[in-house]
Amino acid sequence: MSAMDELIATLTLDPIEVNLFRGISPADARVRIFGGQVVAQALIAAYKTIDDRVCHSLQSYFIRPGDPTRPVLYQVEHSRDGKSFTTRRVIAIQKGEQIFNMACSFQLPEQGFGHQSAMPTAPAPIDIPEERERLRAEFADQLDAARHWLHELPIEMRAVDPISMRDPRPAPPEQRVWFRARGDIGEDIVLNQALLAYASDFSLLGTAMRPHGISWMSGVQTASLDHVIWFHRPTNFSRWHLYVQDSPSASGARGFNRGAIFREDGVLVASTAQEGLIRKHD
């Protein structure tokens, strides 16, 4: 099974009872469930209680680390069903405790005023090495140490200005990353939003680490604390998107990060925000 097929299977939740769904994690070496997976599964669970509306925003909190060896129960609460907007609250449960919760809002599609910021310039993705290829070259002398980063991901990523994992140097608190689903997923808006939500958690927290010259291998404790997404326009995530990220602030062992996701043709399709734990080990 390809990484993309495995992810789609992971996002296919089992109905347990009315407003109650079960999700599983892929069989990989993670010690905790990837945050983007929980966000995507919770969004799918909410959509299973929605008929004709499209998610325009979600706001979520990571409460406890998820255990990837156990299923997650997603309980959906109907907060409001209005004429134009519908609101849901999703609670993710393991071992009888909340590990995550999310509020999301859905809107009946309608026309209105429109404008957007311009997409920053960036080299074409074809001119940038894939992240896995870049890391394979960096760890050519010790591939076993980098095994966690070298397995195929369902999301293809190409960083415009990456920092070294082994020898990071201080860099501006901003980055641009091309990314897309590794396979054709069609035009289904639910699946495309779920995959975009999943992928949006991959590089965002790392933006706040850049000015401090640290990487995931620098002996720091990191974790996503919350995650917010605004979906502006429909998109097909099988195509290239530019993820423009910046970190305006870090304090109190927390880094704040923002993101804007553009289609390759310059259309802004989503915005993100996240605060994450960045704790230096003594």
Protein backbone atom coordinates (compact mmCIF):
# COMPACT_ATOMS: atom_id res chain seq x y z
CA MET A 1 0.00 0.00 0.00
CA SER A 2 1.37 3.41 -0.95
CA ALA A 3 1.73 6.18 1.63
CA MET A 4 -1.14 8.05 -0.05
CA ASP A 5 -3.43 5.01 0.02
CA GLU A 6 -2.58 4.48 3.69
CA LEU A 7 -3.44 8.08 4.54
CA ILE A 8 -6.80 7.91 2.76
CA ALA A 9 -7.54 4.70 4.65
CA THR A 10 -6.59 6.47 7.89
CA LEU A 11 -9.05 9.26 7.09
CA THR A 12 -11.87 6.77 6.46
CA LEU A 13 -13.57 6.74 9.86
CA ASP A 14 -15.80 3.95 11.17
CA PRO A 15 -19.25 5.00 12.44
CA ILE A 16 -19.80 3.61 15.95
CA GLU A 17 -23.03 5.31 17.00
CA VAL A 18 -24.92 8.48 16.11
CA ASN A 19 -22.34 11.34 16.15
CA LEU A 20 -19.57 8.93 17.25
CA PHE A 21 -16.77 7.74 14.95
CA ARG A 22 -13.55 5.75 15.31
CA GLY A 23 -10.23 6.53 13.66
CA ILE A 24 -6.97 4.59 13.55
CA SER A 25 -3.33 5.53 12.95
CA PRO A 26 -0.94 4.07 10.36
CA ALA A 27 1.54 1.49 11.55
CA ASP A 28 4.69 3.62 11.69
CA ALA A 29 7.36 4.37 14.28
CA ARG A 30 5.80 7.51 15.78
CA VAL A 31 5.63 7.67 19.56
CA ARG A 32 2.58 9.97 19.41
CA ILE A 33 -0.11 10.64 16.85
CA PHE A 34 0.80 13.32 14.32
CA GLY A 35 -1.26 16.44 15.07
CA GLY A 36 -2.28 16.99 11.46
CA GLN A 37 -3.82 13.53 11.40
CA VAL A 38 -6.07 14.30 14.39
CA VAL A 39 -7.15 17.62 12.86
CA ALA A 40 -7.99 15.92 9.55
CA GLN A 41 -9.87 13.03 11.18
CA ALA A 42 -11.86 15.43 13.39
CA LEU A 43 -12.80 17.48 10.32
CA ILE A 44 -13.95 14.32 8.52
CA ALA A 45 -16.02 13.36 11.59
CA ALA A 46 -17.72 16.78 11.62
CA TYR A 47 -18.44 16.55 7.88
CA LYS A 48 -20.27 13.25 8.46
CA THR A 49 -22.95 15.26 10.29
CA ILE A 50 -23.20 17.97 7.58
CA ASP A 51 -25.26 17.82 4.37
CA ASP A 52 -24.76 20.74 1.99
CA ARG A 53 -22.27 23.11 3.61
CA VAL A 54 -18.53 23.70 3.37
CA CYS A 55 -16.11 24.22 6.25
CA HIS A 56 -14.73 27.76 6.27
CA SER A 57 -12.83 27.66 9.58
CA LEU A 58 -11.69 25.38 12.37
CA GLN A 59 -10.00 26.08 15.69
CA SER A 60 -8.45 23.25 17.65
CA TYR A 61 -6.44 22.45 20.78
CA PHE A 62 -4.07 19.55 21.39
CA ILE A 63 -4.63 18.52 25.01
CA ARG A 64 -2.73 15.26 25.48
CA PRO A 65 -0.37 13.21 23.27
CA GLY A 66 -2.27 10.62 21.26
CA ASP A 67 -1.24 6.95 21.36
CA PRO A 68 -0.87 5.70 17.75
CA THR A 69 -1.34 2.06 18.85
CA ARG A 70 -4.91 2.72 20.00
CA PRO A 71 -7.99 3.93 18.09
CA VAL A 72 -9.34 7.43 18.66
CA LEU A 73 -13.05 8.09 19.27
CA TYR A 74 -14.44 11.28 17.74
CA GLN A 75 -17.59 12.60 19.38
CA VAL A 76 -19.43 15.30 17.39
CA GLU A 77 -21.66 17.82 19.17
CA HIS A 78 -24.25 19.83 17.22
CA SER A 79 -23.69 23.37 18.46
CA ARG A 80 -25.92 25.17 15.95
CA ASP A 81 -27.73 24.61 12.66
CA GLY A 82 -28.56 28.02 11.19
CA LYS A 83 -29.88 29.21 7.84
CA SER A 84 -26.42 30.03 6.49
CA PHE A 85 -23.92 28.69 9.05
CA THR A 86 -23.60 25.40 10.93
CA THR A 87 -21.29 24.88 13.90
CA ARG A 88 -19.90 21.62 15.26
CA ARG A 89 -17.66 20.72 18.20
CA VAL A 90 -15.54 17.59 17.94
CA ILE A 91 -13.92 15.87 20.92
CA ALA A 92 -11.20 13.24 20.38
CA ILE A 93 -11.00 10.63 23.14
CA GLN A 94 -8.49 7.95 24.12
CA LYS A 95 -8.50 5.93 27.36
CA GLY A 96 -11.55 7.87 28.52
CA GLU A 97 -9.81 11.26 28.30
CA GLN A 98 -9.84 14.12 25.81
CA ILE A 99 -6.67 14.34 23.75
CA PHE A 100 -7.96 17.05 21.40
CA ASN A 101 -10.99 19.22 20.73
CA MET A 102 -12.05 21.34 17.80
CA ALA A 103 -14.77 23.85 16.91
CA CYS A 104 -15.54 24.18 13.22
CA SER A 105 -17.97 26.27 11.21
CA PHE A 106 -19.63 25.41 7.90
CA GLN A 107 -21.34 27.76 5.45
CA LEU A 108 -23.90 27.33 2.72
CA PRO A 109 -21.97 28.43 -0.42
CA GLU A 110 -22.83 31.97 -1.54
CA GLN A 111 -21.36 34.81 -3.61
CA GLY A 112 -19.89 37.98 -2.11
CA PHE A 113 -17.09 40.53 -2.23
CA GLY A 114 -13.63 39.14 -2.95
CA HIS A 115 -9.98 40.16 -2.66
CA GLN A 116 -6.72 38.54 -1.57
CA SER A 117 -3.05 39.22 -0.91
CA ALA A 118 -0.60 38.53 -3.72
CA MET A 119 1.47 35.35 -3.60
CA PRO A 120 5.19 36.00 -2.93
CA THR A 121 7.62 34.97 -5.62
CA ALA A 122 9.34 31.60 -5.29
CA PRO A 123 11.38 29.25 -7.49
CA ALA A 124 9.26 26.67 -9.30
CA PRO A 125 8.88 23.39 -7.37
CA ILE A 126 10.51 21.46 -10.21
CA ASP A 127 13.72 23.43 -9.53
CA ILE A 128 13.83 22.46 -5.81
CA PRO A 129 14.81 19.02 -4.47
CA GLU A 130 12.18 17.04 -2.60
CA GLU A 131 12.66 17.19 1.16
CA ARG A 132 13.36 13.46 1.39
CA GLU A 133 16.08 13.73 -1.27
CA ARG A 134 17.64 16.71 0.49
CA LEU A 135 17.75 14.87 3.83
CA ARG A 136 19.11 11.72 2.20
CA ALA A 137 22.03 13.78 0.90
CA GLU A 138 22.56 15.48 4.28
CA PHE A 139 22.59 12.14 6.12
CA ALA A 140 24.42 10.15 3.47
CA ASP A 141 27.00 9.02 6.05
CA GLN A 142 24.43 7.90 8.66
CA LEU A 143 21.16 6.98 7.03
CA ASP A 144 20.03 4.95 10.06
CA ALA A 145 20.01 8.10 12.21
CA ALA A 146 17.69 9.82 9.73
CA ARG A 147 15.38 6.87 9.11
CA HIS A 148 12.45 8.73 10.73
CA TRP A 149 12.66 11.51 8.13
CA LEU A 150 13.49 9.39 5.09
CA HIS A 151 10.40 7.20 4.75
CA GLU A 152 7.92 8.19 2.04
CA LEU A 153 5.30 10.66 3.18
CA PRO A 154 1.85 11.01 1.57
CA ILE A 155 2.66 14.72 1.18
CA GLU A 156 5.43 15.79 -1.20
CA MET A 157 7.35 18.80 0.17
CA ARG A 158 10.01 21.05 -1.37
CA ALA A 159 11.42 23.80 0.86
CA VAL A 160 12.64 26.98 -0.84
CA ASP A 161 15.17 27.92 1.86
CA PRO A 162 15.65 24.91 4.17
CA ILE A 163 17.95 24.83 7.18
CA SER A 164 20.29 21.97 7.95
CA MET A 165 18.87 19.34 10.27
CA ARG A 166 22.31 18.41 11.62
CA ASP A 167 23.96 21.81 11.68
CA PRO A 168 21.24 24.48 11.83
CA ARG A 169 22.24 28.13 11.64
CA PRO A 170 20.09 31.15 12.58
CA ALA A 171 17.79 32.24 9.75
CA PRO A 172 14.91 34.69 9.37
CA PRO A 173 11.65 33.51 11.02
CA GLU A 174 9.95 32.83 7.71
CA GLN A 175 9.91 30.07 5.13
CA ARG A 176 8.26 29.04 1.88
CA VAL A 177 7.47 25.39 1.15
CA TRP A 178 5.88 23.89 -1.94
CA PHE A 179 3.68 20.92 -1.06
CA ARG A 180 0.95 18.71 -2.50
CA ALA A 181 -0.70 15.32 -2.03
CA ARG A 182 1.33 12.48 -3.48
CA GLY A 183 -1.34 11.27 -5.89
CA ASP A 184 -4.49 12.37 -7.69
CA ILE A 185 -7.34 12.76 -5.19
CA GLY A 186 -9.89 14.38 -7.50
CA GLU A 187 -12.10 17.37 -6.75
CA ASP A 188 -13.97 16.15 -3.64
CA ILE A 189 -13.93 19.21 -1.36
CA VAL A 190 -14.09 17.21 1.89
CA LEU A 191 -11.07 15.06 1.09
CA ASN A 192 -9.10 18.02 -0.27
CA GLN A 193 -9.76 20.08 2.86
CA ALA A 194 -8.84 17.12 5.09
CA LEU A 195 -5.55 16.53 3.26
CA LEU A 196 -4.69 20.24 3.30
CA ALA A 197 -5.42 20.31 7.05
CA TYR A 198 -3.21 17.24 7.54
CA ALA A 199 -0.32 18.74 5.57
CA SER A 200 -0.57 22.20 7.15
CA ASP A 201 0.88 20.90 10.44
CA PHE A 202 4.13 19.56 8.95
CA SER A 203 6.37 22.63 8.78
CA LEU A 204 4.53 25.42 10.61
CA LEU A 205 6.07 25.00 14.08
CA GLY A 206 9.56 24.84 12.60
CA THR A 207 9.22 28.45 11.46
CA ALA A 208 9.61 29.69 15.06
CA MET A 209 12.76 27.57 15.47
CA ARG A 210 14.65 29.10 12.55
CA PRO A 211 15.94 32.36 14.16
CA HIS A 212 17.38 30.36 17.09
CA GLY A 213 19.54 28.05 15.01
CA ILE A 214 17.83 24.87 16.20
CA SER A 215 16.22 21.92 14.45
CA TRP A 216 14.21 18.88 15.45
CA MET A 217 17.55 17.20 16.31
CA SER A 218 18.74 19.96 18.67
CA GLY A 219 17.52 18.40 21.89
CA VAL A 220 14.40 20.53 22.22
CA GLN A 221 10.94 19.43 23.28
CA THR A 222 8.34 20.48 20.71
CA ALA A 223 4.60 19.98 20.35
CA SER A 224 1.72 21.71 18.62
CA LEU A 225 -0.53 23.38 21.21
CA ASP A 226 -3.29 24.60 18.92
CA HIS A 227 -4.07 24.82 15.21
CA VAL A 228 -6.38 27.15 13.31
CA ILE A 229 -7.32 27.01 9.62
CA TRP A 230 -9.46 29.33 7.52
CA PHE A 231 -10.52 27.83 4.18
CA HIS A 232 -11.00 30.69 1.72
CA ARG A 233 -11.54 28.94 -1.60
CA PRO A 234 -11.89 25.36 -2.89
CA THR A 235 -8.76 23.72 -4.26
CA ASN A 236 -7.38 20.45 -5.59
CA PHE A 237 -4.53 19.54 -3.25
CA SER A 238 -3.12 17.10 -5.81
CA ARG A 239 -1.59 20.19 -7.44
CA TRP A 240 1.29 22.27 -6.12
CA HIS A 241 0.62 24.83 -3.39
CA LEU A 242 3.03 27.35 -1.86
CA TYR A 243 2.93 27.46 1.96
CA VAL A 244 4.20 30.90 3.02
CA GLN A 245 4.98 30.94 6.75
CA ASP A 246 6.27 33.42 9.29
CA SER A 247 6.75 33.59 13.06
CA PRO A 248 6.21 37.08 14.51
CA SER A 249 6.90 36.05 18.11
CA ALA A 250 8.33 33.45 20.48
CA SER A 251 8.18 33.72 24.27
CA GLY A 252 7.44 31.65 27.35
CA ALA A 253 8.67 28.44 25.63
CA ARG A 254 6.00 28.98 22.92
CA GLY A 255 6.43 29.93 19.28
CA PHE A 256 3.64 31.63 17.33
CA ASN A 257 3.40 30.92 13.60
CA ARG A 258 1.21 32.03 10.69
CA GLY A 259 0.75 30.58 7.23
CA ALA A 260 -0.83 31.42 3.90
CA ILE A 261 -1.46 28.66 1.35
CA PHE A 262 -1.54 29.64 -2.33
CA ARG A 263 -2.28 27.56 -5.39
CA GLU A 264 0.49 27.53 -7.99
CA ASP A 265 -1.54 30.04 -10.04
CA GLY A 266 -1.43 32.53 -7.13
CA VAL A 267 -4.92 32.00 -5.68
CA LEU A 268 -5.01 32.14 -1.85
CA VAL A 269 -6.94 29.05 -0.69
CA ALA A 270 -6.31 28.93 3.07
CA SER A 271 -4.66 30.63 6.04
CA THR A 272 -3.32 29.00 9.20
CA ALA A 273 -2.09 29.95 12.65
CA GLN A 274 -0.47 27.87 15.34
CA GLU A 275 1.25 28.20 18.69
CA GLY A 276 3.65 25.43 19.61
CA LEU A 277 5.80 24.39 22.53
CA ILE A 278 9.55 24.91 22.03
CA ARG A 279 11.20 23.98 25.31
CA LYS A 280 14.96 23.90 25.63
CA HIS A 281 16.32 20.89 27.50
CA ASP A 282 18.97 21.60 30.14
